[in-house]
Amino acid sequence: MKEEYDFTQAERGKFYRHDAKLNLPVYLDEEVLAFVEQIAAKKKEDVSSVVNEIIRSDMKLVDIMK
């Protein structure tokens, strides 16, 4: 690395996009991942879809319990 950088020509926020969507990675424990992968294989879907289905069903349960 350089000891000093020249930012005199820099433009603040040049690449900022207020409507940009950020997808954060989610890390599952090995046991949970294996379980979800089994379900995904049986349904012939991707793991992401199965996880979303499970979370949506949990969201419905929480709403019912309110």
PDB file of N, CA and C in Angstrom:
ATOM      1  N   MET A   1       0.829  -1.185   0.000  1.00  0.00           N
ATOM      2  CA  MET A   1       0.000   0.000   0.000  1.00  0.00           C
ATOM      3  C   MET A   1       0.866   1.237   0.000  1.00  0.00           C
ATOM      4  N   LYS A   2       0.323   2.247  -0.614  1.00  0.00           N
ATOM      5  CA  LYS A   2       1.023   3.528  -0.582  1.00  0.00           C
ATOM      6  C   LYS A   2       0.887   4.133   0.809  1.00  0.00           C
ATOM      7  N   GLU A   3       1.826   4.979   1.135  1.00  0.00           N
ATOM      8  CA  GLU A   3       1.746   5.660   2.426  1.00  0.00           C
ATOM      9  C   GLU A   3       0.691   6.759   2.394  1.00  0.00           C
ATOM     10  N   GLU A   4       0.440   7.307   1.211  1.00  0.00           N
ATOM     11  CA  GLU A   4      -0.505   8.411   1.094  1.00  0.00           C
ATOM     12  C   GLU A   4      -1.234   8.304  -0.246  1.00  0.00           C
ATOM     13  N   TYR A   5      -2.524   8.601  -0.244  1.00  0.00           N
ATOM     14  CA  TYR A   5      -3.326   8.577  -1.459  1.00  0.00           C
ATOM     15  C   TYR A   5      -3.879   9.975  -1.740  1.00  0.00           C
ATOM     16  N   ASP A   6      -4.037  10.292  -3.023  1.00  0.00           N
ATOM     17  CA  ASP A   6      -4.530  11.602  -3.432  1.00  0.00           C
ATOM     18  C   ASP A   6      -6.016  11.501  -3.776  1.00  0.00           C
ATOM     19  N   PHE A   7      -6.860  12.108  -2.965  1.00  0.00           N
ATOM     20  CA  PHE A   7      -8.300  12.092  -3.185  1.00  0.00           C
ATOM     21  C   PHE A   7      -8.830  13.461  -3.634  1.00  0.00           C
ATOM     22  N   THR A   8      -7.962  14.310  -4.162  1.00  0.00           N
ATOM     23  CA  THR A   8      -8.399  15.653  -4.541  1.00  0.00           C
ATOM     24  C   THR A   8      -9.392  15.621  -5.702  1.00  0.00           C
ATOM     25  N   GLN A   9      -9.328  14.629  -6.567  1.00  0.00           N
ATOM     26  CA  GLN A   9     -10.246  14.516  -7.704  1.00  0.00           C
ATOM     27  C   GLN A   9     -11.406  13.559  -7.416  1.00  0.00           C
ATOM     28  N   ALA A  10     -11.510  13.112  -6.190  1.00  0.00           N
ATOM     29  CA  ALA A  10     -12.542  12.135  -5.827  1.00  0.00           C
ATOM     30  C   ALA A  10     -13.923  12.783  -5.822  1.00  0.00           C
ATOM     31  N   GLU A  11     -14.938  11.958  -6.051  1.00  0.00           N
ATOM     32  CA  GLU A  11     -16.323  12.418  -6.053  1.00  0.00           C
ATOM     33  C   GLU A  11     -17.100  11.573  -5.042  1.00  0.00           C
ATOM     34  N   ARG A  12     -17.582  12.221  -4.000  1.00  0.00           N
ATOM     35  CA  ARG A  12     -18.300  11.508  -2.935  1.00  0.00           C
ATOM     36  C   ARG A  12     -19.620  10.937  -3.471  1.00  0.00           C
ATOM     37  N   GLY A  13     -19.851   9.657  -3.192  1.00  0.00           N
ATOM     38  CA  GLY A  13     -21.110   9.018  -3.549  1.00  0.00           C
ATOM     39  C   GLY A  13     -21.265   8.700  -5.030  1.00  0.00           C
ATOM     40  N   LYS A  14     -20.198   8.663  -5.773  1.00  0.00           N
ATOM     41  CA  LYS A  14     -20.254   8.443  -7.217  1.00  0.00           C
ATOM     42  C   LYS A  14     -20.957   7.133  -7.573  1.00  0.00           C
ATOM     43  N   PHE A  15     -20.739   6.087  -6.802  1.00  0.00           N
ATOM     44  CA  PHE A  15     -21.310   4.781  -7.111  1.00  0.00           C
ATOM     45  C   PHE A  15     -22.470   4.406  -6.190  1.00  0.00           C
ATOM     46  N   TYR A  16     -22.893   5.319  -5.341  1.00  0.00           N
ATOM     47  CA  TYR A  16     -23.993   5.050  -4.422  1.00  0.00           C
ATOM     48  C   TYR A  16     -25.313   4.982  -5.183  1.00  0.00           C
ATOM     49  N   ARG A  17     -26.114   3.953  -4.889  1.00  0.00           N
ATOM     50  CA  ARG A  17     -27.447   3.812  -5.472  1.00  0.00           C
ATOM     51  C   ARG A  17     -28.418   3.546  -4.326  1.00  0.00           C
ATOM     52  N   HIS A  18     -29.328   4.481  -4.066  1.00  0.00           N
ATOM     53  CA  HIS A  18     -30.240   4.345  -2.937  1.00  0.00           C
ATOM     54  C   HIS A  18     -31.210   3.188  -3.124  1.00  0.00           C
ATOM     55  N   ASP A  19     -31.460   2.770  -4.353  1.00  0.00           N
ATOM     56  CA  ASP A  19     -32.404   1.685  -4.597  1.00  0.00           C
ATOM     57  C   ASP A  19     -31.722   0.334  -4.825  1.00  0.00           C
ATOM     58  N   ALA A  20     -30.433   0.265  -4.573  1.00  0.00           N
ATOM     59  CA  ALA A  20     -29.704  -0.980  -4.761  1.00  0.00           C
ATOM     60  C   ALA A  20     -30.168  -2.019  -3.736  1.00  0.00           C
ATOM     61  N   LYS A  21     -30.329  -3.255  -4.174  1.00  0.00           N
ATOM     62  CA  LYS A  21     -30.760  -4.334  -3.299  1.00  0.00           C
ATOM     63  C   LYS A  21     -29.544  -5.140  -2.882  1.00  0.00           C
ATOM     64  N   LEU A  22     -29.406  -5.353  -1.594  1.00  0.00           N
ATOM     65  CA  LEU A  22     -28.268  -6.076  -1.059  1.00  0.00           C
ATOM     66  C   LEU A  22     -28.737  -7.422  -0.538  1.00  0.00           C
ATOM     67  N   ASN A  23     -28.208  -8.504  -1.092  1.00  0.00           N
ATOM     68  CA  ASN A  23     -28.544  -9.850  -0.637  1.00  0.00           C
ATOM     69  C   ASN A  23     -27.410 -10.368   0.247  1.00  0.00           C
ATOM     70  N   LEU A  24     -27.697 -10.489   1.519  1.00  0.00           N
ATOM     71  CA  LEU A  24     -26.691 -10.959   2.458  1.00  0.00           C
ATOM     72  C   LEU A  24     -26.675 -12.478   2.490  1.00  0.00           C
ATOM     73  N   PRO A  25     -25.505 -13.075   2.578  1.00  0.00           N
ATOM     74  CA  PRO A  25     -25.448 -14.534   2.657  1.00  0.00           C
ATOM     75  C   PRO A  25     -25.933 -15.023   4.018  1.00  0.00           C
ATOM     76  N   VAL A  26     -26.565 -16.185   4.020  1.00  0.00           N
ATOM     77  CA  VAL A  26     -27.027 -16.806   5.254  1.00  0.00           C
ATOM     78  C   VAL A  26     -26.311 -18.140   5.372  1.00  0.00           C
ATOM     79  N   TYR A  27     -25.708 -18.387   6.504  1.00  0.00           N
ATOM     80  CA  TYR A  27     -24.952 -19.612   6.708  1.00  0.00           C
ATOM     81  C   TYR A  27     -25.733 -20.537   7.640  1.00  0.00           C
ATOM     82  N   LEU A  28     -26.005 -21.747   7.163  1.00  0.00           N
ATOM     83  CA  LEU A  28     -26.750 -22.721   7.942  1.00  0.00           C
ATOM     84  C   LEU A  28     -25.791 -23.705   8.587  1.00  0.00           C
ATOM     85  N   ASP A  29     -26.183 -24.204   9.760  1.00  0.00           N
ATOM     86  CA  ASP A  29     -25.409 -25.263  10.393  1.00  0.00           C
ATOM     87  C   ASP A  29     -25.457 -26.494   9.498  1.00  0.00           C
ATOM     88  N   GLU A  30     -24.467 -27.360   9.629  1.00  0.00           N
ATOM     89  CA  GLU A  30     -24.383 -28.557   8.781  1.00  0.00           C
ATOM     90  C   GLU A  30     -25.637 -29.411   8.880  1.00  0.00           C
ATOM     91  N   GLU A  31     -26.120 -29.601  10.092  1.00  0.00           N
ATOM     92  CA  GLU A  31     -27.305 -30.429  10.320  1.00  0.00           C
ATOM     93  C   GLU A  31     -28.536 -29.828   9.641  1.00  0.00           C
ATOM     94  N   VAL A  32     -28.704 -28.531   9.771  1.00  0.00           N
ATOM     95  CA  VAL A  32     -29.846 -27.839   9.166  1.00  0.00           C
ATOM     96  C   VAL A  32     -29.741 -27.877   7.644  1.00  0.00           C
ATOM     97  N   LEU A  33     -28.553 -27.631   7.124  1.00  0.00           N
ATOM     98  CA  LEU A  33     -28.345 -27.657   5.684  1.00  0.00           C
ATOM     99  C   LEU A  33     -28.655 -29.037   5.100  1.00  0.00           C
ATOM    100  N   ALA A  34     -28.203 -30.075   5.776  1.00  0.00           N
ATOM    101  CA  ALA A  34     -28.475 -31.438   5.305  1.00  0.00           C
ATOM    102  C   ALA A  34     -29.976 -31.701   5.269  1.00  0.00           C
ATOM    103  N   PHE A  35     -30.681 -31.259   6.304  1.00  0.00           N
ATOM    104  CA  PHE A  35     -32.131 -31.431   6.376  1.00  0.00           C
ATOM    105  C   PHE A  35     -32.825 -30.711   5.220  1.00  0.00           C
ATOM    106  N   VAL A  36     -32.444 -29.472   4.994  1.00  0.00           N
ATOM    107  CA  VAL A  36     -33.070 -28.669   3.934  1.00  0.00           C
ATOM    108  C   VAL A  36     -32.706 -29.235   2.553  1.00  0.00           C
ATOM    109  N   GLU A  37     -31.491 -29.706   2.395  1.00  0.00           N
ATOM    110  CA  GLU A  37     -31.088 -30.301   1.117  1.00  0.00           C
ATOM    111  C   GLU A  37     -31.898 -31.554   0.800  1.00  0.00           C
ATOM    112  N   GLN A  38     -32.216 -32.344   1.818  1.00  0.00           N
ATOM    113  CA  GLN A  38     -33.046 -33.538   1.611  1.00  0.00           C
ATOM    114  C   GLN A  38     -34.432 -33.138   1.111  1.00  0.00           C
ATOM    115  N   ILE A  39     -35.012 -32.137   1.741  1.00  0.00           N
ATOM    116  CA  ILE A  39     -36.335 -31.663   1.328  1.00  0.00           C
ATOM    117  C   ILE A  39     -36.271 -31.115  -0.097  1.00  0.00           C
ATOM    118  N   ALA A  40     -35.241 -30.341  -0.391  1.00  0.00           N
ATOM    119  CA  ALA A  40     -35.091 -29.750  -1.720  1.00  0.00           C
ATOM    120  C   ALA A  40     -34.947 -30.831  -2.788  1.00  0.00           C
ATOM    121  N   ALA A  41     -34.212 -31.879  -2.482  1.00  0.00           N
ATOM    122  CA  ALA A  41     -34.027 -32.965  -3.447  1.00  0.00           C
ATOM    123  C   ALA A  41     -35.357 -33.681  -3.718  1.00  0.00           C
ATOM    124  N   LYS A  42     -36.142 -33.915  -2.661  1.00  0.00           N
ATOM    125  CA  LYS A  42     -37.441 -34.575  -2.831  1.00  0.00           C
ATOM    126  C   LYS A  42     -38.398 -33.723  -3.649  1.00  0.00           C
ATOM    127  N   LYS A  43     -38.374 -32.407  -3.425  1.00  0.00           N
ATOM    128  CA  LYS A  43     -39.274 -31.493  -4.135  1.00  0.00           C
ATOM    129  C   LYS A  43     -38.722 -31.062  -5.491  1.00  0.00           C
ATOM    130  N   LYS A  44     -37.465 -31.395  -5.745  1.00  0.00           N
ATOM    131  CA  LYS A  44     -36.761 -30.966  -6.957  1.00  0.00           C
ATOM    132  C   LYS A  44     -36.757 -29.443  -7.066  1.00  0.00           C
ATOM    133  N   GLU A  45     -36.409 -28.799  -5.960  1.00  0.00           N
ATOM    134  CA  GLU A  45     -36.287 -27.344  -5.878  1.00  0.00           C
ATOM    135  C   GLU A  45     -34.904 -26.995  -5.349  1.00  0.00           C
ATOM    136  N   ASP A  46     -34.572 -25.727  -5.415  1.00  0.00           N
ATOM    137  CA  ASP A  46     -33.298 -25.307  -4.848  1.00  0.00           C
ATOM    138  C   ASP A  46     -33.449 -25.051  -3.350  1.00  0.00           C
ATOM    139  N   VAL A  47     -32.339 -25.066  -2.664  1.00  0.00           N
ATOM    140  CA  VAL A  47     -32.320 -24.909  -1.207  1.00  0.00           C
ATOM    141  C   VAL A  47     -32.926 -23.571  -0.795  1.00  0.00           C
ATOM    142  N   SER A  48     -32.652 -22.545  -1.548  1.00  0.00           N
ATOM    143  CA  SER A  48     -33.153 -21.212  -1.230  1.00  0.00           C
ATOM    144  C   SER A  48     -34.681 -21.185  -1.191  1.00  0.00           C
ATOM    145  N   SER A  49     -35.313 -21.823  -2.139  1.00  0.00           N
ATOM    146  CA  SER A  49     -36.778 -21.863  -2.182  1.00  0.00           C
ATOM    147  C   SER A  49     -37.350 -22.601  -0.981  1.00  0.00           C
ATOM    148  N   VAL A  50     -36.722 -23.700  -0.605  1.00  0.00           N
ATOM    149  CA  VAL A  50     -37.194 -24.477   0.541  1.00  0.00           C
ATOM    150  C   VAL A  50     -37.044 -23.678   1.825  1.00  0.00           C
ATOM    151  N   VAL A  51     -35.923 -23.013   2.002  1.00  0.00           N
ATOM    152  CA  VAL A  51     -35.710 -22.196   3.199  1.00  0.00           C
ATOM    153  C   VAL A  51     -36.747 -21.078   3.257  1.00  0.00           C
ATOM    154  N   ASN A  52     -37.027 -20.443   2.131  1.00  0.00           N
ATOM    155  CA  ASN A  52     -38.043 -19.390   2.107  1.00  0.00           C
ATOM    156  C   ASN A  52     -39.417 -19.932   2.480  1.00  0.00           C
ATOM    157  N   GLU A  53     -39.763 -21.106   1.986  1.00  0.00           N
ATOM    158  CA  GLU A  53     -41.047 -21.724   2.344  1.00  0.00           C
ATOM    159  C   GLU A  53     -41.137 -21.979   3.848  1.00  0.00           C
ATOM    160  N   ILE A  54     -40.072 -22.508   4.417  1.00  0.00           N
ATOM    161  CA  ILE A  54     -40.056 -22.808   5.857  1.00  0.00           C
ATOM    162  C   ILE A  54     -40.208 -21.522   6.670  1.00  0.00           C
ATOM    163  N   ILE A  55     -39.481 -20.498   6.291  1.00  0.00           N
ATOM    164  CA  ILE A  55     -39.552 -19.231   7.030  1.00  0.00           C
ATOM    165  C   ILE A  55     -40.930 -18.597   6.878  1.00  0.00           C
ATOM    166  N   ARG A  56     -41.508 -18.658   5.671  1.00  0.00           N
ATOM    167  CA  ARG A  56     -42.852 -18.100   5.475  1.00  0.00           C
ATOM    168  C   ARG A  56     -43.881 -18.820   6.343  1.00  0.00           C
ATOM    169  N   SER A  57     -43.765 -20.142   6.441  1.00  0.00           N
ATOM    170  CA  SER A  57     -44.712 -20.881   7.286  1.00  0.00           C
ATOM    171  C   SER A  57     -44.529 -20.505   8.756  1.00  0.00           C
ATOM    172  N   ASP A  58     -43.284 -20.277   9.179  1.00  0.00           N
ATOM    173  CA  ASP A  58     -43.039 -19.823  10.548  1.00  0.00           C
ATOM    174  C   ASP A  58     -43.615 -18.425  10.771  1.00  0.00           C
ATOM    175  N   MET A  59     -43.522 -17.568   9.763  1.00  0.00           N
ATOM    176  CA  MET A  59     -44.091 -16.225   9.876  1.00  0.00           C
ATOM    177  C   MET A  59     -45.605 -16.290  10.053  1.00  0.00           C
ATOM    178  N   LYS A  60     -46.258 -17.199   9.346  1.00  0.00           N
ATOM    179  CA  LYS A  60     -47.698 -17.368   9.480  1.00  0.00           C
ATOM    180  C   LYS A  60     -48.060 -17.842  10.880  1.00  0.00           C
ATOM    181  N   LEU A  61     -47.260 -18.785  11.412  1.00  0.00           N
ATOM    182  CA  LEU A  61     -47.505 -19.267  12.781  1.00  0.00           C
ATOM    183  C   LEU A  61     -47.390 -18.148  13.803  1.00  0.00           C
ATOM    184  N   VAL A  62     -46.386 -17.312  13.636  1.00  0.00           N
ATOM    185  CA  VAL A  62     -46.192 -16.193  14.558  1.00  0.00           C
ATOM    186  C   VAL A  62     -47.375 -15.249  14.484  1.00  0.00           C
ATOM    187  N   ASP A  63     -47.865 -14.962  13.278  1.00  0.00           N
ATOM    188  CA  ASP A  63     -49.030 -14.084  13.121  1.00  0.00           C
ATOM    189  C   ASP A  63     -50.262 -14.677  13.799  1.00  0.00           C
ATOM    190  N   ILE A  64     -50.440 -15.975  13.678  1.00  0.00           N
ATOM    191  CA  ILE A  64     -51.594 -16.654  14.300  1.00  0.00           C
ATOM    192  C   ILE A  64     -51.511 -16.560  15.818  1.00  0.00           C
ATOM    193  N   MET A  65     -50.315 -16.654  16.364  1.00  0.00           N
ATOM    194  CA  MET A  65     -50.127 -16.656  17.811  1.00  0.00           C
ATOM    195  C   MET A  65     -50.263 -15.273  18.421  1.00  0.00           C
ATOM    196  N   LYS A  66     -50.267 -14.221  17.631  1.00  0.00           N
ATOM    197  CA  LYS A  66     -50.348 -12.857  18.155  1.00  0.00           C
ATOM    198  C   LYS A  66     -51.700 -12.553  18.735  1.00  0.00           C
TER     199      LYS A  66
END
